[in-house]
Amino acid sequence: MYQASPFVKDVTLFDVYEGKQILSNKKSMAFTVLFTPKDEAFGADTVDGYVKKILKQLNKTYGIELRS
């Protein structure tokens, strides 16, 4: 299993949507990622960097794309 960061403690899928405005071969999925830093709080740039790494790996492994 891919680990985006040693600080990722939990990933929870909380919604899957298929329907209006979503292509028939696609799904819209919403999830939360819980980051737990060891020594200090993360700034927005650090969190953004980890999110980008996670999205890149999800795209590479599963073809997942961020919907805008």
PDB file of N, CA and C in Angstrom:
ATOM      1  N   MET A   1       0.838  -1.196   0.000  1.00  0.00           N
ATOM      2  CA  MET A   1       0.000   0.000   0.000  1.00  0.00           C
ATOM      3  C   MET A   1       0.872   1.246   0.000  1.00  0.00           C
ATOM      4  N   TYR A   2       0.467   2.228  -0.745  1.00  0.00           N
ATOM      5  CA  TYR A   2       1.178   3.495  -0.835  1.00  0.00           C
ATOM      6  C   TYR A   2       0.948   4.325   0.422  1.00  0.00           C
ATOM      7  N   GLN A   3       2.004   4.923   0.941  1.00  0.00           N
ATOM      8  CA  GLN A   3       1.863   5.811   2.091  1.00  0.00           C
ATOM      9  C   GLN A   3       2.335   7.197   1.664  1.00  0.00           C
ATOM     10  N   ALA A   4       1.393   8.138   1.591  1.00  0.00           N
ATOM     11  CA  ALA A   4       1.711   9.499   1.152  1.00  0.00           C
ATOM     12  C   ALA A   4       2.562  10.223   2.175  1.00  0.00           C
ATOM     13  N   SER A   5       2.378   9.880   3.425  1.00  0.00           N
ATOM     14  CA  SER A   5       3.092  10.548   4.503  1.00  0.00           C
ATOM     15  C   SER A   5       2.973   9.708   5.762  1.00  0.00           C
ATOM     16  N   PRO A   6       4.010   9.705   6.588  1.00  0.00           N
ATOM     17  CA  PRO A   6       3.887   9.007   7.867  1.00  0.00           C
ATOM     18  C   PRO A   6       2.902   9.714   8.801  1.00  0.00           C
ATOM     19  N   PHE A   7       2.459  10.896   8.400  1.00  0.00           N
ATOM     20  CA  PHE A   7       1.544  11.679   9.231  1.00  0.00           C
ATOM     21  C   PHE A   7       0.077  11.406   8.922  1.00  0.00           C
ATOM     22  N   VAL A   8      -0.205  10.635   7.867  1.00  0.00           N
ATOM     23  CA  VAL A   8      -1.591  10.297   7.534  1.00  0.00           C
ATOM     24  C   VAL A   8      -2.034   9.188   8.481  1.00  0.00           C
ATOM     25  N   LYS A   9      -3.013   9.508   9.318  1.00  0.00           N
ATOM     26  CA  LYS A   9      -3.486   8.547  10.320  1.00  0.00           C
ATOM     27  C   LYS A   9      -4.771   7.845   9.906  1.00  0.00           C
ATOM     28  N   ASP A  10      -5.584   8.497   9.070  1.00  0.00           N
ATOM     29  CA  ASP A  10      -6.856   7.895   8.690  1.00  0.00           C
ATOM     30  C   ASP A  10      -7.351   8.517   7.394  1.00  0.00           C
ATOM     31  N   VAL A  11      -7.978   7.692   6.566  1.00  0.00           N
ATOM     32  CA  VAL A  11      -8.659   8.161   5.367  1.00  0.00           C
ATOM     33  C   VAL A  11     -10.054   7.555   5.401  1.00  0.00           C
ATOM     34  N   THR A  12     -11.076   8.409   5.296  1.00  0.00           N
ATOM     35  CA  THR A  12     -12.458   7.940   5.378  1.00  0.00           C
ATOM     36  C   THR A  12     -13.239   8.414   4.160  1.00  0.00           C
ATOM     37  N   LEU A  13     -13.784   7.472   3.413  1.00  0.00           N
ATOM     38  CA  LEU A  13     -14.679   7.781   2.303  1.00  0.00           C
ATOM     39  C   LEU A  13     -16.061   8.025   2.895  1.00  0.00           C
ATOM     40  N   PHE A  14     -16.642   9.223   2.651  1.00  0.00           N
ATOM     41  CA  PHE A  14     -17.935   9.500   3.269  1.00  0.00           C
ATOM     42  C   PHE A  14     -19.060   9.768   2.275  1.00  0.00           C
ATOM     43  N   ASP A  15     -18.749   9.776   0.973  1.00  0.00           N
ATOM     44  CA  ASP A  15     -19.816   9.961   0.000  1.00  0.00           C
ATOM     45  C   ASP A  15     -19.361   9.476  -1.369  1.00  0.00           C
ATOM     46  N   VAL A  16     -20.257   8.794  -2.068  1.00  0.00           N
ATOM     47  CA  VAL A  16     -20.041   8.393  -3.457  1.00  0.00           C
ATOM     48  C   VAL A  16     -21.293   8.799  -4.220  1.00  0.00           C
ATOM     49  N   TYR A  17     -21.099   9.531  -5.307  1.00  0.00           N
ATOM     50  CA  TYR A  17     -22.232  10.030  -6.083  1.00  0.00           C
ATOM     51  C   TYR A  17     -22.057   9.649  -7.542  1.00  0.00           C
ATOM     52  N   GLU A  18     -23.117   9.104  -8.118  1.00  0.00           N
ATOM     53  CA  GLU A  18     -23.196   8.838  -9.549  1.00  0.00           C
ATOM     54  C   GLU A  18     -24.522   9.415 -10.014  1.00  0.00           C
ATOM     55  N   GLY A  19     -24.479  10.287 -10.968  1.00  0.00           N
ATOM     56  CA  GLY A  19     -25.731  10.876 -11.419  1.00  0.00           C
ATOM     57  C   GLY A  19     -25.503  12.132 -12.225  1.00  0.00           C
ATOM     58  N   LYS A  20     -26.453  13.067 -12.099  1.00  0.00           N
ATOM     59  CA  LYS A  20     -26.423  14.320 -12.836  1.00  0.00           C
ATOM     60  C   LYS A  20     -25.049  14.977 -12.749  1.00  0.00           C
ATOM     61  N   GLN A  21     -24.568  15.455 -13.875  1.00  0.00           N
ATOM     62  CA  GLN A  21     -23.313  16.180 -14.007  1.00  0.00           C
ATOM     63  C   GLN A  21     -22.073  15.308 -13.804  1.00  0.00           C
ATOM     64  N   ILE A  22     -22.238  13.991 -13.691  1.00  0.00           N
ATOM     65  CA  ILE A  22     -21.107  13.071 -13.584  1.00  0.00           C
ATOM     66  C   ILE A  22     -21.188  12.126 -14.786  1.00  0.00           C
ATOM     67  N   LEU A  23     -20.098  11.978 -15.520  1.00  0.00           N
ATOM     68  CA  LEU A  23     -20.089  11.079 -16.671  1.00  0.00           C
ATOM     69  C   LEU A  23     -20.495   9.676 -16.241  1.00  0.00           C
ATOM     70  N   SER A  24     -21.122   8.934 -17.146  1.00  0.00           N
ATOM     71  CA  SER A  24     -21.667   7.615 -16.798  1.00  0.00           C
ATOM     72  C   SER A  24     -20.602   6.623 -16.342  1.00  0.00           C
ATOM     73  N   ASN A  25     -19.370   6.775 -16.778  1.00  0.00           N
ATOM     74  CA  ASN A  25     -18.310   5.861 -16.369  1.00  0.00           C
ATOM     75  C   ASN A  25     -17.474   6.412 -15.213  1.00  0.00           C
ATOM     76  N   LYS A  26     -17.981   7.448 -14.546  1.00  0.00           N
ATOM     77  CA  LYS A  26     -17.256   8.091 -13.444  1.00  0.00           C
ATOM     78  C   LYS A  26     -18.094   8.104 -12.173  1.00  0.00           C
ATOM     79  N   LYS A  27     -17.426   8.342 -11.048  1.00  0.00           N
ATOM     80  CA  LYS A  27     -18.078   8.527  -9.757  1.00  0.00           C
ATOM     81  C   LYS A  27     -17.447   9.744  -9.089  1.00  0.00           C
ATOM     82  N   SER A  28     -18.237  10.453  -8.326  1.00  0.00           N
ATOM     83  CA  SER A  28     -17.720  11.537  -7.512  1.00  0.00           C
ATOM     84  C   SER A  28     -17.612  11.008  -6.087  1.00  0.00           C
ATOM     85  N   MET A  29     -16.419  11.067  -5.536  1.00  0.00           N
ATOM     86  CA  MET A  29     -16.184  10.531  -4.190  1.00  0.00           C
ATOM     87  C   MET A  29     -15.639  11.631  -3.286  1.00  0.00           C
ATOM     88  N   ALA A  30     -16.112  11.648  -2.052  1.00  0.00           N
ATOM     89  CA  ALA A  30     -15.637  12.630  -1.069  1.00  0.00           C
ATOM     90  C   ALA A  30     -15.040  11.870   0.110  1.00  0.00           C
ATOM     91  N   PHE A  31     -13.896  12.346   0.568  1.00  0.00           N
ATOM     92  CA  PHE A  31     -13.253  11.680   1.689  1.00  0.00           C
ATOM     93  C   PHE A  31     -12.514  12.673   2.560  1.00  0.00           C
ATOM     94  N   THR A  32     -12.258  12.267   3.772  1.00  0.00           N
ATOM     95  CA  THR A  32     -11.449  13.079   4.681  1.00  0.00           C
ATOM     96  C   THR A  32     -10.119  12.371   4.888  1.00  0.00           C
ATOM     97  N   VAL A  33      -9.086  13.167   5.096  1.00  0.00           N
ATOM     98  CA  VAL A  33      -7.762  12.644   5.410  1.00  0.00           C
ATOM     99  C   VAL A  33      -7.339  13.292   6.721  1.00  0.00           C
ATOM    100  N   LEU A  34      -7.017  12.474   7.706  1.00  0.00           N
ATOM    101  CA  LEU A  34      -6.585  12.976   9.007  1.00  0.00           C
ATOM    102  C   LEU A  34      -5.061  12.951   9.073  1.00  0.00           C
ATOM    103  N   PHE A  35      -4.474  14.128   9.172  1.00  0.00           N
ATOM    104  CA  PHE A  35      -3.031  14.275   9.339  1.00  0.00           C
ATOM    105  C   PHE A  35      -2.744  14.513  10.819  1.00  0.00           C
ATOM    106  N   THR A  36      -1.747  13.848  11.351  1.00  0.00           N
ATOM    107  CA  THR A  36      -1.353  14.056  12.744  1.00  0.00           C
ATOM    108  C   THR A  36       0.154  14.303  12.796  1.00  0.00           C
ATOM    109  N   PRO A  37       0.557  15.578  12.858  1.00  0.00           N
ATOM    110  CA  PRO A  37       1.986  15.878  12.936  1.00  0.00           C
ATOM    111  C   PRO A  37       2.559  15.435  14.281  1.00  0.00           C
ATOM    112  N   LYS A  38       3.833  15.098  14.284  1.00  0.00           N
ATOM    113  CA  LYS A  38       4.468  14.608  15.515  1.00  0.00           C
ATOM    114  C   LYS A  38       4.952  15.739  16.415  1.00  0.00           C
ATOM    115  N   ASP A  39       5.598  16.754  15.840  1.00  0.00           N
ATOM    116  CA  ASP A  39       6.241  17.760  16.681  1.00  0.00           C
ATOM    117  C   ASP A  39       5.619  19.154  16.619  1.00  0.00           C
ATOM    118  N   GLU A  40       5.094  19.519  15.474  1.00  0.00           N
ATOM    119  CA  GLU A  40       4.531  20.863  15.344  1.00  0.00           C
ATOM    120  C   GLU A  40       3.374  20.851  14.368  1.00  0.00           C
ATOM    121  N   ALA A  41       2.555  21.881  14.417  1.00  0.00           N
ATOM    122  CA  ALA A  41       1.391  21.965  13.529  1.00  0.00           C
ATOM    123  C   ALA A  41       1.850  22.170  12.088  1.00  0.00           C
ATOM    124  N   PHE A  42       1.101  21.634  11.167  1.00  0.00           N
ATOM    125  CA  PHE A  42       1.393  21.833   9.755  1.00  0.00           C
ATOM    126  C   PHE A  42       0.826  23.160   9.290  1.00  0.00           C
ATOM    127  N   GLY A  43       1.551  23.829   8.426  1.00  0.00           N
ATOM    128  CA  GLY A  43       1.034  25.017   7.771  1.00  0.00           C
ATOM    129  C   GLY A  43       0.263  24.613   6.529  1.00  0.00           C
ATOM    130  N   ALA A  44      -0.417  25.567   5.943  1.00  0.00           N
ATOM    131  CA  ALA A  44      -1.233  25.303   4.755  1.00  0.00           C
ATOM    132  C   ALA A  44      -0.393  24.750   3.602  1.00  0.00           C
ATOM    133  N   ASP A  45       0.823  25.239   3.424  1.00  0.00           N
ATOM    134  CA  ASP A  45       1.683  24.768   2.337  1.00  0.00           C
ATOM    135  C   ASP A  45       2.065  23.302   2.514  1.00  0.00           C
ATOM    136  N   THR A  46       2.325  22.895   3.740  1.00  0.00           N
ATOM    137  CA  THR A  46       2.677  21.499   4.022  1.00  0.00           C
ATOM    138  C   THR A  46       1.498  20.578   3.730  1.00  0.00           C
ATOM    139  N   VAL A  47       0.318  20.947   4.209  1.00  0.00           N
ATOM    140  CA  VAL A  47      -0.881  20.141   3.960  1.00  0.00           C
ATOM    141  C   VAL A  47      -1.152  20.075   2.463  1.00  0.00           C
ATOM    142  N   ASP A  48      -1.056  21.207   1.769  1.00  0.00           N
ATOM    143  CA  ASP A  48      -1.276  21.248   0.335  1.00  0.00           C
ATOM    144  C   ASP A  48      -0.303  20.318  -0.393  1.00  0.00           C
ATOM    145  N   GLY A  49       0.939  20.293   0.032  1.00  0.00           N
ATOM    146  CA  GLY A  49       1.933  19.410  -0.576  1.00  0.00           C
ATOM    147  C   GLY A  49       1.573  17.943  -0.405  1.00  0.00           C
ATOM    148  N   TYR A  50       1.122  17.552   0.791  1.00  0.00           N
ATOM    149  CA  TYR A  50       0.718  16.163   1.012  1.00  0.00           C
ATOM    150  C   TYR A  50      -0.528  15.812   0.203  1.00  0.00           C
ATOM    151  N   VAL A  51      -1.478  16.718   0.124  1.00  0.00           N
ATOM    152  CA  VAL A  51      -2.690  16.461  -0.663  1.00  0.00           C
ATOM    153  C   VAL A  51      -2.319  16.257  -2.134  1.00  0.00           C
ATOM    154  N   LYS A  52      -1.412  17.068  -2.659  1.00  0.00           N
ATOM    155  CA  LYS A  52      -0.977  16.913  -4.044  1.00  0.00           C
ATOM    156  C   LYS A  52      -0.307  15.556  -4.268  1.00  0.00           C
ATOM    157  N   LYS A  53       0.505  15.111  -3.307  1.00  0.00           N
ATOM    158  CA  LYS A  53       1.146  13.797  -3.416  1.00  0.00           C
ATOM    159  C   LYS A  53       0.104  12.682  -3.425  1.00  0.00           C
ATOM    160  N   ILE A  54      -0.875  12.786  -2.549  1.00  0.00           N
ATOM    161  CA  ILE A  54      -1.943  11.780  -2.481  1.00  0.00           C
ATOM    162  C   ILE A  54      -2.703  11.735  -3.797  1.00  0.00           C
ATOM    163  N   LEU A  55      -3.103  12.901  -4.320  1.00  0.00           N
ATOM    164  CA  LEU A  55      -3.855  12.956  -5.575  1.00  0.00           C
ATOM    165  C   LEU A  55      -3.037  12.417  -6.742  1.00  0.00           C
ATOM    166  N   LYS A  56      -1.752  12.723  -6.774  1.00  0.00           N
ATOM    167  CA  LYS A  56      -0.880  12.224  -7.842  1.00  0.00           C
ATOM    168  C   LYS A  56      -0.817  10.700  -7.806  1.00  0.00           C
ATOM    169  N   GLN A  57      -0.666  10.132  -6.621  1.00  0.00           N
ATOM    170  CA  GLN A  57      -0.584   8.675  -6.510  1.00  0.00           C
ATOM    171  C   GLN A  57      -1.919   8.016  -6.843  1.00  0.00           C
ATOM    172  N   LEU A  58      -3.035   8.616  -6.400  1.00  0.00           N
ATOM    173  CA  LEU A  58      -4.352   8.077  -6.738  1.00  0.00           C
ATOM    174  C   LEU A  58      -4.585   8.104  -8.246  1.00  0.00           C
ATOM    175  N   ASN A  59      -4.120   9.156  -8.903  1.00  0.00           N
ATOM    176  CA  ASN A  59      -4.251   9.240 -10.356  1.00  0.00           C
ATOM    177  C   ASN A  59      -3.403   8.172 -11.030  1.00  0.00           C
ATOM    178  N   LYS A  60      -2.177   8.010 -10.570  1.00  0.00           N
ATOM    179  CA  LYS A  60      -1.264   7.024 -11.152  1.00  0.00           C
ATOM    180  C   LYS A  60      -1.787   5.601 -10.956  1.00  0.00           C
ATOM    181  N   THR A  61      -2.281   5.299  -9.780  1.00  0.00           N
ATOM    182  CA  THR A  61      -2.702   3.940  -9.448  1.00  0.00           C
ATOM    183  C   THR A  61      -4.094   3.601  -9.965  1.00  0.00           C
ATOM    184  N   TYR A  62      -5.044   4.547  -9.823  1.00  0.00           N
ATOM    185  CA  TYR A  62      -6.442   4.257 -10.115  1.00  0.00           C
ATOM    186  C   TYR A  62      -7.065   5.126 -11.204  1.00  0.00           C
ATOM    187  N   GLY A  63      -6.331   6.098 -11.732  1.00  0.00           N
ATOM    188  CA  GLY A  63      -6.896   6.991 -12.736  1.00  0.00           C
ATOM    189  C   GLY A  63      -7.816   8.044 -12.159  1.00  0.00           C
ATOM    190  N   ILE A  64      -7.730   8.252 -10.861  1.00  0.00           N
ATOM    191  CA  ILE A  64      -8.595   9.221 -10.175  1.00  0.00           C
ATOM    192  C   ILE A  64      -8.154  10.632 -10.522  1.00  0.00           C
ATOM    193  N   GLU A  65      -9.130  11.502 -10.765  1.00  0.00           N
ATOM    194  CA  GLU A  65      -8.871  12.905 -11.074  1.00  0.00           C
ATOM    195  C   GLU A  65      -9.643  13.795 -10.129  1.00  0.00           C
ATOM    196  N   LEU A  66      -9.061  14.915  -9.772  1.00  0.00           N
ATOM    197  CA  LEU A  66      -9.738  15.897  -8.944  1.00  0.00           C
ATOM    198  C   LEU A  66     -10.758  16.616  -9.806  1.00  0.00           C
ATOM    199  N   ARG A  67     -11.991  16.645  -9.340  1.00  0.00           N
ATOM    200  CA  ARG A  67     -13.069  17.305 -10.081  1.00  0.00           C
ATOM    201  C   ARG A  67     -13.102  18.770  -9.670  1.00  0.00           C
ATOM    202  N   SER A  68     -13.212  19.641 -10.662  1.00  0.00           N
ATOM    203  CA  SER A  68     -13.263  21.070 -10.338  1.00  0.00           C
ATOM    204  C   SER A  68     -14.643  21.636 -10.565  1.00  0.00           C
TER     205      SER A  68
END
